[in-house]
Amino acid sequence: MRAFGRRITAKQWTRFALKWGLLLTDATLWEAVNEQLREGANDVSNVVKRRYEKAADRLQDRRPSTSAGWLSPTATFLGGVGLGVGLGVMFAPVSGDEARAVLRDKVVDIKNKVSGVAV
């Protein structure tokens, strides 16, 4: 194999692998990397927390005080259910025709149960 115009020997590959093996098994190095990752994660966490608190305060200040406090959570829940069903149908391990047939049967069953209770 050539690297930058010269041939690399098996001995050079072995030395390269051993150097990287020593480097990657150095406990001091890993501790320093872990410490930097921890500090970076803490910094990001603090920034996210401050921004979340500011956004929550702004939303709290602008939120109208109405008695329809159930509307937004209900819409969010139904949107999540719809998204879940959509993703489930897309990634189902059956064909599209089979998935639509099963989904259609479930909807008809629910419709019949609801109409039976309502009558």
PDB file of N, CA and C in Angstrom:
ATOM      1  N   MET A   1       0.842  -1.175   0.000  1.00  0.00           N
ATOM      2  CA  MET A   1       0.000   0.000   0.000  1.00  0.00           C
ATOM      3  C   MET A   1       0.884   1.233   0.000  1.00  0.00           C
ATOM      4  N   ARG A   2       0.456   2.260  -0.699  1.00  0.00           N
ATOM      5  CA  ARG A   2       1.245   3.487  -0.788  1.00  0.00           C
ATOM      6  C   ARG A   2       0.573   4.582   0.023  1.00  0.00           C
ATOM      7  N   ALA A   3       1.377   5.367   0.671  1.00  0.00           N
ATOM      8  CA  ALA A   3       0.898   6.531   1.406  1.00  0.00           C
ATOM      9  C   ALA A   3       1.803   7.696   1.069  1.00  0.00           C
ATOM     10  N   PHE A   4       1.260   8.676   0.422  1.00  0.00           N
ATOM     11  CA  PHE A   4       2.006   9.870   0.042  1.00  0.00           C
ATOM     12  C   PHE A   4       3.255   9.514  -0.768  1.00  0.00           C
ATOM     13  N   GLY A   5       3.119   8.592  -1.696  1.00  0.00           N
ATOM     14  CA  GLY A   5       4.200   8.287  -2.618  1.00  0.00           C
ATOM     15  C   GLY A   5       5.211   7.279  -2.121  1.00  0.00           C
ATOM     16  N   ARG A   6       5.038   6.706  -0.938  1.00  0.00           N
ATOM     17  CA  ARG A   6       6.001   5.694  -0.486  1.00  0.00           C
ATOM     18  C   ARG A   6       5.254   4.466   0.011  1.00  0.00           C
ATOM     19  N   ARG A   7       5.927   3.375   0.010  1.00  0.00           N
ATOM     20  CA  ARG A   7       5.318   2.099   0.387  1.00  0.00           C
ATOM     21  C   ARG A   7       5.446   1.901   1.907  1.00  0.00           C
ATOM     22  N   ILE A   8       4.358   1.461   2.531  1.00  0.00           N
ATOM     23  CA  ILE A   8       4.353   1.218   3.969  1.00  0.00           C
ATOM     24  C   ILE A   8       4.536  -0.275   4.198  1.00  0.00           C
ATOM     25  N   THR A   9       5.494  -0.619   5.039  1.00  0.00           N
ATOM     26  CA  THR A   9       5.816  -2.025   5.281  1.00  0.00           C
ATOM     27  C   THR A   9       4.975  -2.571   6.425  1.00  0.00           C
ATOM     28  N   ALA A  10       5.009  -3.882   6.571  1.00  0.00           N
ATOM     29  CA  ALA A  10       4.279  -4.537   7.656  1.00  0.00           C
ATOM     30  C   ALA A  10       4.833  -4.094   9.006  1.00  0.00           C
ATOM     31  N   LYS A  11       6.126  -3.879   9.081  1.00  0.00           N
ATOM     32  CA  LYS A  11       6.741  -3.431  10.328  1.00  0.00           C
ATOM     33  C   LYS A  11       6.216  -2.050  10.714  1.00  0.00           C
ATOM     34  N   GLN A  12       6.069  -1.168   9.734  1.00  0.00           N
ATOM     35  CA  GLN A  12       5.558   0.175  10.014  1.00  0.00           C
ATOM     36  C   GLN A  12       4.088   0.118  10.446  1.00  0.00           C
ATOM     37  N   TRP A  13       3.316  -0.769   9.804  1.00  0.00           N
ATOM     38  CA  TRP A  13       1.924  -0.934  10.217  1.00  0.00           C
ATOM     39  C   TRP A  13       1.845  -1.454  11.649  1.00  0.00           C
ATOM     40  N   THR A  14       2.714  -2.390  11.990  1.00  0.00           N
ATOM     41  CA  THR A  14       2.728  -2.951  13.337  1.00  0.00           C
ATOM     42  C   THR A  14       3.070  -1.875  14.354  1.00  0.00           C
ATOM     43  N   ARG A  15       4.083  -1.082  14.084  1.00  0.00           N
ATOM     44  CA  ARG A  15       4.446   0.010  14.999  1.00  0.00           C
ATOM     45  C   ARG A  15       3.290   0.996  15.150  1.00  0.00           C
ATOM     46  N   PHE A  16       2.672   1.332  14.039  1.00  0.00           N
ATOM     47  CA  PHE A  16       1.539   2.251  14.064  1.00  0.00           C
ATOM     48  C   PHE A  16       0.416   1.698  14.948  1.00  0.00           C
ATOM     49  N   ALA A  17       0.100   0.421  14.765  1.00  0.00           N
ATOM     50  CA  ALA A  17      -0.967  -0.204  15.546  1.00  0.00           C
ATOM     51  C   ALA A  17      -0.610  -0.260  17.027  1.00  0.00           C
ATOM     52  N   LEU A  18       0.633  -0.572  17.338  1.00  0.00           N
ATOM     53  CA  LEU A  18       1.053  -0.628  18.737  1.00  0.00           C
ATOM     54  C   LEU A  18       1.010   0.752  19.390  1.00  0.00           C
ATOM     55  N   LYS A  19       1.435   1.781  18.671  1.00  0.00           N
ATOM     56  CA  LYS A  19       1.392   3.136  19.228  1.00  0.00           C
ATOM     57  C   LYS A  19      -0.048   3.544  19.534  1.00  0.00           C
ATOM     58  N   TRP A  20      -0.942   3.282  18.584  1.00  0.00           N
ATOM     59  CA  TRP A  20      -2.340   3.628  18.819  1.00  0.00           C
ATOM     60  C   TRP A  20      -2.941   2.763  19.928  1.00  0.00           C
ATOM     61  N   GLY A  21      -2.545   1.523  20.017  1.00  0.00           N
ATOM     62  CA  GLY A  21      -3.024   0.663  21.097  1.00  0.00           C
ATOM     63  C   GLY A  21      -2.601   1.194  22.454  1.00  0.00           C
ATOM     64  N   LEU A  22      -1.347   1.622  22.565  1.00  0.00           N
ATOM     65  CA  LEU A  22      -0.883   2.206  23.826  1.00  0.00           C
ATOM     66  C   LEU A  22      -1.616   3.499  24.134  1.00  0.00           C
ATOM     67  N   LEU A  23      -1.802   4.305  23.125  1.00  0.00           N
ATOM     68  CA  LEU A  23      -2.480   5.581  23.313  1.00  0.00           C
ATOM     69  C   LEU A  23      -3.928   5.375  23.763  1.00  0.00           C
ATOM     70  N   LEU A  24      -4.616   4.440  23.147  1.00  0.00           N
ATOM     71  CA  LEU A  24      -6.020   4.218  23.462  1.00  0.00           C
ATOM     72  C   LEU A  24      -6.249   3.486  24.779  1.00  0.00           C
ATOM     73  N   THR A  25      -5.202   2.866  25.328  1.00  0.00           N
ATOM     74  CA  THR A  25      -5.352   2.182  26.612  1.00  0.00           C
ATOM     75  C   THR A  25      -4.777   2.988  27.765  1.00  0.00           C
ATOM     76  N   ASP A  26      -4.368   4.219  27.513  1.00  0.00           N
ATOM     77  CA  ASP A  26      -3.800   5.068  28.547  1.00  0.00           C
ATOM     78  C   ASP A  26      -4.922   5.612  29.433  1.00  0.00           C
ATOM     79  N   ALA A  27      -4.911   5.239  30.708  1.00  0.00           N
ATOM     80  CA  ALA A  27      -5.966   5.635  31.640  1.00  0.00           C
ATOM     81  C   ALA A  27      -5.980   7.146  31.865  1.00  0.00           C
ATOM     82  N   THR A  28      -4.830   7.770  31.906  1.00  0.00           N
ATOM     83  CA  THR A  28      -4.763   9.212  32.116  1.00  0.00           C
ATOM     84  C   THR A  28      -5.421   9.948  30.955  1.00  0.00           C
ATOM     85  N   LEU A  29      -5.160   9.475  29.756  1.00  0.00           N
ATOM     86  CA  LEU A  29      -5.765  10.088  28.578  1.00  0.00           C
ATOM     87  C   LEU A  29      -7.282   9.961  28.629  1.00  0.00           C
ATOM     88  N   TRP A  30      -7.773   8.787  28.944  1.00  0.00           N
ATOM     89  CA  TRP A  30      -9.216   8.573  28.995  1.00  0.00           C
ATOM     90  C   TRP A  30      -9.862   9.409  30.087  1.00  0.00           C
ATOM     91  N   GLU A  31      -9.200   9.550  31.222  1.00  0.00           N
ATOM     92  CA  GLU A  31      -9.733  10.376  32.308  1.00  0.00           C
ATOM     93  C   GLU A  31      -9.827  11.831  31.858  1.00  0.00           C
ATOM     94  N   ALA A  32      -8.800  12.324  31.148  1.00  0.00           N
ATOM     95  CA  ALA A  32      -8.821  13.700  30.652  1.00  0.00           C
ATOM     96  C   ALA A  32      -9.943  13.881  29.623  1.00  0.00           C
ATOM     97  N   VAL A  33     -10.119  12.916  28.737  1.00  0.00           N
ATOM     98  CA  VAL A  33     -11.182  12.996  27.738  1.00  0.00           C
ATOM     99  C   VAL A  33     -12.551  12.984  28.422  1.00  0.00           C
ATOM    100  N   ASN A  34     -12.723  12.103  29.403  1.00  0.00           N
ATOM    101  CA  ASN A  34     -13.991  12.029  30.130  1.00  0.00           C
ATOM    102  C   ASN A  34     -14.285  13.327  30.867  1.00  0.00           C
ATOM    103  N   GLU A  35     -13.265  13.906  31.475  1.00  0.00           N
ATOM    104  CA  GLU A  35     -13.448  15.167  32.196  1.00  0.00           C
ATOM    105  C   GLU A  35     -13.862  16.280  31.242  1.00  0.00           C
ATOM    106  N   GLN A  36     -13.227  16.352  30.088  1.00  0.00           N
ATOM    107  CA  GLN A  36     -13.600  17.383  29.110  1.00  0.00           C
ATOM    108  C   GLN A  36     -15.023  17.166  28.600  1.00  0.00           C
ATOM    109  N   LEU A  37     -15.391  15.915  28.372  1.00  0.00           N
ATOM    110  CA  LEU A  37     -16.754  15.630  27.932  1.00  0.00           C
ATOM    111  C   LEU A  37     -17.773  16.008  29.005  1.00  0.00           C
ATOM    112  N   ARG A  38     -17.456  15.704  30.271  1.00  0.00           N
ATOM    113  CA  ARG A  38     -18.349  16.070  31.378  1.00  0.00           C
ATOM    114  C   ARG A  38     -18.529  17.578  31.455  1.00  0.00           C
ATOM    115  N   GLU A  39     -17.415  18.304  31.367  1.00  0.00           N
ATOM    116  CA  GLU A  39     -17.482  19.765  31.449  1.00  0.00           C
ATOM    117  C   GLU A  39     -18.285  20.328  30.277  1.00  0.00           C
ATOM    118  N   GLY A  40     -18.055  19.807  29.092  1.00  0.00           N
ATOM    119  CA  GLY A  40     -18.804  20.266  27.928  1.00  0.00           C
ATOM    120  C   GLY A  40     -20.292  19.972  28.057  1.00  0.00           C
ATOM    121  N   ALA A  41     -20.619  18.772  28.563  1.00  0.00           N
ATOM    122  CA  ALA A  41     -22.026  18.411  28.753  1.00  0.00           C
ATOM    123  C   ALA A  41     -22.672  19.306  29.799  1.00  0.00           C
ATOM    124  N   ASN A  42     -21.949  19.620  30.860  1.00  0.00           N
ATOM    125  CA  ASN A  42     -22.486  20.509  31.889  1.00  0.00           C
ATOM    126  C   ASN A  42     -22.712  21.907  31.332  1.00  0.00           C
ATOM    127  N   ASP A  43     -21.782  22.385  30.516  1.00  0.00           N
ATOM    128  CA  ASP A  43     -21.943  23.710  29.912  1.00  0.00           C
ATOM    129  C   ASP A  43     -23.183  23.742  29.020  1.00  0.00           C
ATOM    130  N   VAL A  44     -23.329  22.721  28.184  1.00  0.00           N
ATOM    131  CA  VAL A  44     -24.485  22.662  27.300  1.00  0.00           C
ATOM    132  C   VAL A  44     -25.764  22.544  28.124  1.00  0.00           C
ATOM    133  N   SER A  45     -25.729  21.750  29.159  1.00  0.00           N
ATOM    134  CA  SER A  45     -26.901  21.575  30.017  1.00  0.00           C
ATOM    135  C   SER A  45     -27.304  22.895  30.667  1.00  0.00           C
ATOM    136  N   ASN A  46     -26.337  23.647  31.125  1.00  0.00           N
ATOM    137  CA  ASN A  46     -26.645  24.931  31.754  1.00  0.00           C
ATOM    138  C   ASN A  46     -27.254  25.907  30.752  1.00  0.00           C
ATOM    139  N   VAL A  47     -26.701  25.952  29.553  1.00  0.00           N
ATOM    140  CA  VAL A  47     -27.239  26.856  28.531  1.00  0.00           C
ATOM    141  C   VAL A  47     -28.673  26.450  28.183  1.00  0.00           C
ATOM    142  N   VAL A  48     -28.900  25.151  27.990  1.00  0.00           N
ATOM    143  CA  VAL A  48     -30.243  24.678  27.653  1.00  0.00           C
ATOM    144  C   VAL A  48     -31.217  24.994  28.781  1.00  0.00           C
ATOM    145  N   LYS A  49     -30.791  24.776  30.018  1.00  0.00           N
ATOM    146  CA  LYS A  49     -31.660  25.046  31.170  1.00  0.00           C
ATOM    147  C   LYS A  49     -32.037  26.525  31.226  1.00  0.00           C
ATOM    148  N   ARG A  50     -31.058  27.422  31.038  1.00  0.00           N
ATOM    149  CA  ARG A  50     -31.350  28.861  31.086  1.00  0.00           C
ATOM    150  C   ARG A  50     -32.321  29.251  29.973  1.00  0.00           C
ATOM    151  N   ARG A  51     -32.086  28.740  28.777  1.00  0.00           N
ATOM    152  CA  ARG A  51     -32.969  29.083  27.650  1.00  0.00           C
ATOM    153  C   ARG A  51     -34.368  28.521  27.857  1.00  0.00           C
ATOM    154  N   TYR A  52     -34.452  27.324  28.413  1.00  0.00           N
ATOM    155  CA  TYR A  52     -35.757  26.733  28.690  1.00  0.00           C
ATOM    156  C   TYR A  52     -36.510  27.572  29.714  1.00  0.00           C
ATOM    157  N   GLU A  53     -35.810  27.979  30.767  1.00  0.00           N
ATOM    158  CA  GLU A  53     -36.461  28.783  31.798  1.00  0.00           C
ATOM    159  C   GLU A  53     -36.937  30.120  31.239  1.00  0.00           C
ATOM    160  N   LYS A  54     -36.131  30.761  30.388  1.00  0.00           N
ATOM    161  CA  LYS A  54     -36.546  32.026  29.772  1.00  0.00           C
ATOM    162  C   LYS A  54     -37.767  31.814  28.891  1.00  0.00           C
ATOM    163  N   ALA A  55     -37.747  30.762  28.074  1.00  0.00           N
ATOM    164  CA  ALA A  55     -38.880  30.492  27.182  1.00  0.00           C
ATOM    165  C   ALA A  55     -40.135  30.161  27.984  1.00  0.00           C
ATOM    166  N   ALA A  56     -39.982  29.390  29.044  1.00  0.00           N
ATOM    167  CA  ALA A  56     -41.133  29.038  29.883  1.00  0.00           C
ATOM    168  C   ALA A  56     -41.708  30.283  30.544  1.00  0.00           C
ATOM    169  N   ASP A  57     -40.835  31.186  30.996  1.00  0.00           N
ATOM    170  CA  ASP A  57     -41.312  32.425  31.600  1.00  0.00           C
ATOM    171  C   ASP A  57     -42.069  33.276  30.584  1.00  0.00           C
ATOM    172  N   ARG A  58     -41.529  33.374  29.355  1.00  0.00           N
ATOM    173  CA  ARG A  58     -42.207  34.162  28.324  1.00  0.00           C
ATOM    174  C   ARG A  58     -43.563  33.550  27.972  1.00  0.00           C
ATOM    175  N   LEU A  59     -43.620  32.226  27.876  1.00  0.00           N
ATOM    176  CA  LEU A  59     -44.896  31.572  27.574  1.00  0.00           C
ATOM    177  C   LEU A  59     -45.890  31.769  28.701  1.00  0.00           C
ATOM    178  N   GLN A  60     -45.429  31.699  29.923  1.00  0.00           N
ATOM    179  CA  GLN A  60     -46.304  31.877  31.081  1.00  0.00           C
ATOM    180  C   GLN A  60     -46.869  33.291  31.091  1.00  0.00           C
ATOM    181  N   ASP A  61     -46.050  34.268  30.724  1.00  0.00           N
ATOM    182  CA  ASP A  61     -46.510  35.653  30.702  1.00  0.00           C
ATOM    183  C   ASP A  61     -47.537  35.889  29.602  1.00  0.00           C
ATOM    184  N   ARG A  62     -47.402  35.206  28.474  1.00  0.00           N
ATOM    185  CA  ARG A  62     -48.284  35.429  27.333  1.00  0.00           C
ATOM    186  C   ARG A  62     -49.488  34.500  27.286  1.00  0.00           C
ATOM    187  N   ARG A  63     -49.520  33.499  28.109  1.00  0.00           N
ATOM    188  CA  ARG A  63     -50.613  32.529  28.070  1.00  0.00           C
ATOM    189  C   ARG A  63     -51.908  33.182  28.545  1.00  0.00           C
ATOM    190  N   PRO A  64     -52.942  33.098  27.739  1.00  0.00           N
ATOM    191  CA  PRO A  64     -54.221  33.673  28.182  1.00  0.00           C
ATOM    192  C   PRO A  64     -54.837  32.789  29.264  1.00  0.00           C
ATOM    193  N   SER A  65     -55.464  33.425  30.200  1.00  0.00           N
ATOM    194  CA  SER A  65     -56.085  32.661  31.283  1.00  0.00           C
ATOM    195  C   SER A  65     -57.506  32.314  30.874  1.00  0.00           C
ATOM    196  N   THR A  66     -57.671  31.139  30.285  1.00  0.00           N
ATOM    197  CA  THR A  66     -58.992  30.667  29.867  1.00  0.00           C
ATOM    198  C   THR A  66     -59.303  29.386  30.600  1.00  0.00           C
ATOM    199  N   SER A  67     -60.563  29.027  30.547  1.00  0.00           N
ATOM    200  CA  SER A  67     -60.967  27.781  31.207  1.00  0.00           C
ATOM    201  C   SER A  67     -60.753  26.574  30.304  1.00  0.00           C
ATOM    202  N   ALA A  68     -60.324  26.799  29.065  1.00  0.00           N
ATOM    203  CA  ALA A  68     -60.103  25.697  28.122  1.00  0.00           C
ATOM    204  C   ALA A  68     -58.666  25.196  28.222  1.00  0.00           C
ATOM    205  N   GLY A  69     -58.193  24.916  29.414  1.00  0.00           N
ATOM    206  CA  GLY A  69     -56.836  24.453  29.618  1.00  0.00           C
ATOM    207  C   GLY A  69     -56.619  23.028  29.160  1.00  0.00           C
ATOM    208  N   TRP A  70     -57.685  22.310  28.846  1.00  0.00           N
ATOM    209  CA  TRP A  70     -57.571  20.917  28.419  1.00  0.00           C
ATOM    210  C   TRP A  70     -57.363  20.804  26.914  1.00  0.00           C
ATOM    211  N   LEU A  71     -57.631  21.878  26.167  1.00  0.00           N
ATOM    212  CA  LEU A  71     -57.599  21.791  24.713  1.00  0.00           C
ATOM    213  C   LEU A  71     -56.206  21.505  24.164  1.00  0.00           C
ATOM    214  N   SER A  72     -55.218  22.231  24.634  1.00  0.00           N
ATOM    215  CA  SER A  72     -53.854  22.047  24.115  1.00  0.00           C
ATOM    216  C   SER A  72     -53.295  20.665  24.449  1.00  0.00           C
ATOM    217  N   PRO A  73     -53.396  20.195  25.714  1.00  0.00           N
ATOM    218  CA  PRO A  73     -52.888  18.839  25.981  1.00  0.00           C
ATOM    219  C   PRO A  73     -53.620  17.759  25.190  1.00  0.00           C
ATOM    220  N   THR A  74     -54.917  17.942  24.982  1.00  0.00           N
ATOM    221  CA  THR A  74     -55.681  16.950  24.222  1.00  0.00           C
ATOM    222  C   THR A  74     -55.248  16.940  22.760  1.00  0.00           C
ATOM    223  N   ALA A  75     -55.076  18.135  22.191  1.00  0.00           N
ATOM    224  CA  ALA A  75     -54.623  18.212  20.803  1.00  0.00           C
ATOM    225  C   ALA A  75     -53.222  17.624  20.654  1.00  0.00           C
ATOM    226  N   THR A  76     -52.361  17.887  21.625  1.00  0.00           N
ATOM    227  CA  THR A  76     -51.006  17.332  21.599  1.00  0.00           C
ATOM    228  C   THR A  76     -51.049  15.809  21.677  1.00  0.00           C
ATOM    229  N   PHE A  77     -51.896  15.289  22.569  1.00  0.00           N
ATOM    230  CA  PHE A  77     -52.018  13.835  22.713  1.00  0.00           C
ATOM    231  C   PHE A  77     -52.532  13.201  21.415  1.00  0.00           C
ATOM    232  N   LEU A  78     -53.577  13.786  20.839  1.00  0.00           N
ATOM    233  CA  LEU A  78     -54.126  13.224  19.607  1.00  0.00           C
ATOM    234  C   LEU A  78     -53.137  13.330  18.453  1.00  0.00           C
ATOM    235  N   GLY A  79     -52.385  14.428  18.417  1.00  0.00           N
ATOM    236  CA  GLY A  79     -51.337  14.546  17.401  1.00  0.00           C
ATOM    237  C   GLY A  79     -50.274  13.478  17.570  1.00  0.00           C
ATOM    238  N   GLY A  80     -49.897  13.195  18.826  1.00  0.00           N
ATOM    239  CA  GLY A  80     -48.916  12.142  19.090  1.00  0.00           C
ATOM    240  C   GLY A  80     -49.431  10.770  18.704  1.00  0.00           C
ATOM    241  N   VAL A  81     -50.697  10.524  19.000  1.00  0.00           N
ATOM    242  CA  VAL A  81     -51.299   9.241  18.613  1.00  0.00           C
ATOM    243  C   VAL A  81     -51.298   9.104  17.096  1.00  0.00           C
ATOM    244  N   GLY A  82     -51.680  10.192  16.413  1.00  0.00           N
ATOM    245  CA  GLY A  82     -51.689  10.157  14.942  1.00  0.00           C
ATOM    246  C   GLY A  82     -50.304   9.916  14.371  1.00  0.00           C
ATOM    247  N   LEU A  83     -49.314  10.600  14.935  1.00  0.00           N
ATOM    248  CA  LEU A  83     -47.931  10.414  14.487  1.00  0.00           C
ATOM    249  C   LEU A  83     -47.468   8.979  14.749  1.00  0.00           C
ATOM    250  N   GLY A  84     -47.809   8.449  15.913  1.00  0.00           N
ATOM    251  CA  GLY A  84     -47.435   7.069  16.239  1.00  0.00           C
ATOM    252  C   GLY A  84     -48.072   6.057  15.306  1.00  0.00           C
ATOM    253  N   VAL A  85     -49.333   6.267  15.006  1.00  0.00           N
ATOM    254  CA  VAL A  85     -50.020   5.356  14.081  1.00  0.00           C
ATOM    255  C   VAL A  85     -49.390   5.450  12.694  1.00  0.00           C
ATOM    256  N   GLY A  86     -49.117   6.678  12.260  1.00  0.00           N
ATOM    257  CA  GLY A  86     -48.506   6.853  10.946  1.00  0.00           C
ATOM    258  C   GLY A  86     -47.160   6.177  10.848  1.00  0.00           C
ATOM    259  N   LEU A  87     -46.312   6.380  11.864  1.00  0.00           N
ATOM    260  CA  LEU A  87     -44.992   5.734  11.865  1.00  0.00           C
ATOM    261  C   LEU A  87     -45.123   4.217  11.972  1.00  0.00           C
ATOM    262  N   GLY A  88     -46.099   3.766  12.755  1.00  0.00           N
ATOM    263  CA  GLY A  88     -46.315   2.323  12.885  1.00  0.00           C
ATOM    264  C   GLY A  88     -46.708   1.684  11.570  1.00  0.00           C
ATOM    265  N   VAL A  89     -47.555   2.370  10.825  1.00  0.00           N
ATOM    266  CA  VAL A  89     -47.975   1.841   9.524  1.00  0.00           C
ATOM    267  C   VAL A  89     -46.797   1.857   8.553  1.00  0.00           C
ATOM    268  N   MET A  90     -46.000   2.930   8.607  1.00  0.00           N
ATOM    269  CA  MET A  90     -44.859   3.019   7.680  1.00  0.00           C
ATOM    270  C   MET A  90     -43.820   1.937   7.928  1.00  0.00           C
ATOM    271  N   PHE A  91     -43.557   1.639   9.195  1.00  0.00           N
ATOM    272  CA  PHE A  91     -42.491   0.692   9.520  1.00  0.00           C
ATOM    273  C   PHE A  91     -43.009  -0.682   9.915  1.00  0.00           C
ATOM    274  N   ALA A  92     -44.264  -0.969   9.609  1.00  0.00           N
ATOM    275  CA  ALA A  92     -44.847  -2.267   9.949  1.00  0.00           C
ATOM    276  C   ALA A  92     -44.167  -3.371   9.137  1.00  0.00           C
ATOM    277  N   PRO A  93     -44.013  -4.561   9.737  1.00  0.00           N
ATOM    278  CA  PRO A  93     -43.352  -5.657   9.022  1.00  0.00           C
ATOM    279  C   PRO A  93     -44.281  -6.388   8.055  1.00  0.00           C
ATOM    280  N   VAL A  94     -45.430  -5.794   7.741  1.00  0.00           N
ATOM    281  CA  VAL A  94     -46.362  -6.415   6.785  1.00  0.00           C
ATOM    282  C   VAL A  94     -46.499  -5.488   5.583  1.00  0.00           C
ATOM    283  N   SER A  95     -47.133  -5.986   4.543  1.00  0.00           N
ATOM    284  CA  SER A  95     -47.301  -5.167   3.339  1.00  0.00           C
ATOM    285  C   SER A  95     -48.317  -4.059   3.602  1.00  0.00           C
ATOM    286  N   GLY A  96     -48.333  -3.089   2.714  1.00  0.00           N
ATOM    287  CA  GLY A  96     -49.245  -1.959   2.862  1.00  0.00           C
ATOM    288  C   GLY A  96     -50.696  -2.375   2.808  1.00  0.00           C
ATOM    289  N   ASP A  97     -51.036  -3.314   1.915  1.00  0.00           N
ATOM    290  CA  ASP A  97     -52.424  -3.782   1.804  1.00  0.00           C
ATOM    291  C   ASP A  97     -52.872  -4.452   3.094  1.00  0.00           C
ATOM    292  N   GLU A  98     -52.022  -5.286   3.655  1.00  0.00           N
ATOM    293  CA  GLU A  98     -52.367  -5.970   4.900  1.00  0.00           C
ATOM    294  C   GLU A  98     -52.507  -4.975   6.045  1.00  0.00           C
ATOM    295  N   ALA A  99     -51.600  -4.007   6.126  1.00  0.00           N
ATOM    296  CA  ALA A  99     -51.652  -3.012   7.201  1.00  0.00           C
ATOM    297  C   ALA A  99     -52.917  -2.170   7.088  1.00  0.00           C
ATOM    298  N   ARG A 100     -53.279  -1.754   5.861  1.00  0.00           N
ATOM    299  CA  ARG A 100     -54.498  -0.963   5.684  1.00  0.00           C
ATOM    300  C   ARG A 100     -55.744  -1.780   6.031  1.00  0.00           C
ATOM    301  N   ALA A 101     -55.732  -3.062   5.689  1.00  0.00           N
ATOM    302  CA  ALA A 101     -56.884  -3.916   5.992  1.00  0.00           C
ATOM    303  C   ALA A 101     -57.049  -4.059   7.505  1.00  0.00           C
ATOM    304  N   VAL A 102     -55.968  -4.285   8.203  1.00  0.00           N
ATOM    305  CA  VAL A 102     -56.028  -4.420   9.659  1.00  0.00           C
ATOM    306  C   VAL A 102     -56.490  -3.108  10.282  1.00  0.00           C
ATOM    307  N   LEU A 103     -55.940  -1.993   9.809  1.00  0.00           N
ATOM    308  CA  LEU A 103     -56.308  -0.684  10.328  1.00  0.00           C
ATOM    309  C   LEU A 103     -57.784  -0.394  10.052  1.00  0.00           C
ATOM    310  N   ARG A 104     -58.252  -0.730   8.852  1.00  0.00           N
ATOM    311  CA  ARG A 104     -59.655  -0.532   8.496  1.00  0.00           C
ATOM    312  C   ARG A 104     -60.548  -1.356   9.413  1.00  0.00           C
ATOM    313  N   ASP A 105     -60.192  -2.613   9.680  1.00  0.00           N
ATOM    314  CA  ASP A 105     -60.987  -3.470  10.556  1.00  0.00           C
ATOM    315  C   ASP A 105     -61.044  -2.907  11.973  1.00  0.00           C
ATOM    316  N   LYS A 106     -59.926  -2.397  12.455  1.00  0.00           N
ATOM    317  CA  LYS A 106     -59.907  -1.815  13.805  1.00  0.00           C
ATOM    318  C   LYS A 106     -60.819  -0.596  13.885  1.00  0.00           C
ATOM    319  N   VAL A 107     -60.772   0.262  12.859  1.00  0.00           N
ATOM    320  CA  VAL A 107     -61.613   1.465  12.851  1.00  0.00           C
ATOM    321  C   VAL A 107     -63.090   1.069  12.810  1.00  0.00           C
ATOM    322  N   VAL A 108     -63.444   0.084  12.004  1.00  0.00           N
ATOM    323  CA  VAL A 108     -64.841  -0.369  11.931  1.00  0.00           C
ATOM    324  C   VAL A 108     -65.266  -0.934  13.280  1.00  0.00           C
ATOM    325  N   ASP A 109     -64.423  -1.723  13.945  1.00  0.00           N
ATOM    326  CA  ASP A 109     -64.757  -2.267  15.261  1.00  0.00           C
ATOM    327  C   ASP A 109     -64.990  -1.152  16.279  1.00  0.00           C
ATOM    328  N   ILE A 110     -64.122  -0.155  16.279  1.00  0.00           N
ATOM    329  CA  ILE A 110     -64.275   0.957  17.226  1.00  0.00           C
ATOM    330  C   ILE A 110     -65.556   1.721  16.918  1.00  0.00           C
ATOM    331  N   LYS A 111     -65.841   1.938  15.632  1.00  0.00           N
ATOM    332  CA  LYS A 111     -67.061   2.649  15.230  1.00  0.00           C
ATOM    333  C   LYS A 111     -68.295   1.884  15.704  1.00  0.00           C
ATOM    334  N   ASN A 112     -68.285   0.567  15.539  1.00  0.00           N
ATOM    335  CA  ASN A 112     -69.427  -0.248  15.972  1.00  0.00           C
ATOM    336  C   ASN A 112     -69.582  -0.198  17.490  1.00  0.00           C
ATOM    337  N   LYS A 113     -68.489  -0.237  18.227  1.00  0.00           N
ATOM    338  CA  LYS A 113     -68.564  -0.173  19.696  1.00  0.00           C
ATOM    339  C   LYS A 113     -69.120   1.167  20.144  1.00  0.00           C
ATOM    340  N   VAL A 114     -68.630   2.250  19.509  1.00  0.00           N
ATOM    341  CA  VAL A 114     -69.102   3.582  19.892  1.00  0.00           C
ATOM    342  C   VAL A 114     -70.573   3.765  19.548  1.00  0.00           C
ATOM    343  N   SER A 115     -70.986   3.312  18.372  1.00  0.00           N
ATOM    344  CA  SER A 115     -72.398   3.456  17.986  1.00  0.00           C
ATOM    345  C   SER A 115     -73.282   2.568  18.868  1.00  0.00           C
ATOM    346  N   GLY A 116     -72.774   1.418  19.316  1.00  0.00           N
ATOM    347  CA  GLY A 116     -73.532   0.551  20.202  1.00  0.00           C
ATOM    348  C   GLY A 116     -73.719   1.154  21.574  1.00  0.00           C
ATOM    349  N   VAL A 117     -72.718   1.887  22.057  1.00  0.00           N
ATOM    350  CA  VAL A 117     -72.821   2.536  23.363  1.00  0.00           C
ATOM    351  C   VAL A 117     -73.720   3.773  23.272  1.00  0.00           C
ATOM    352  N   ALA A 118     -73.643   4.491  22.140  1.00  0.00           N
ATOM    353  CA  ALA A 118     -74.399   5.729  21.985  1.00  0.00           C
ATOM    354  C   ALA A 118     -75.898   5.473  21.812  1.00  0.00           C
ATOM    355  N   VAL A 119     -76.307   4.297  21.313  1.00  0.00           N
ATOM    356  CA  VAL A 119     -77.710   4.010  21.070  1.00  0.00           C
ATOM    357  C   VAL A 119     -78.427   3.620  22.311  1.00  0.00           C
TER     358      VAL A 119
END
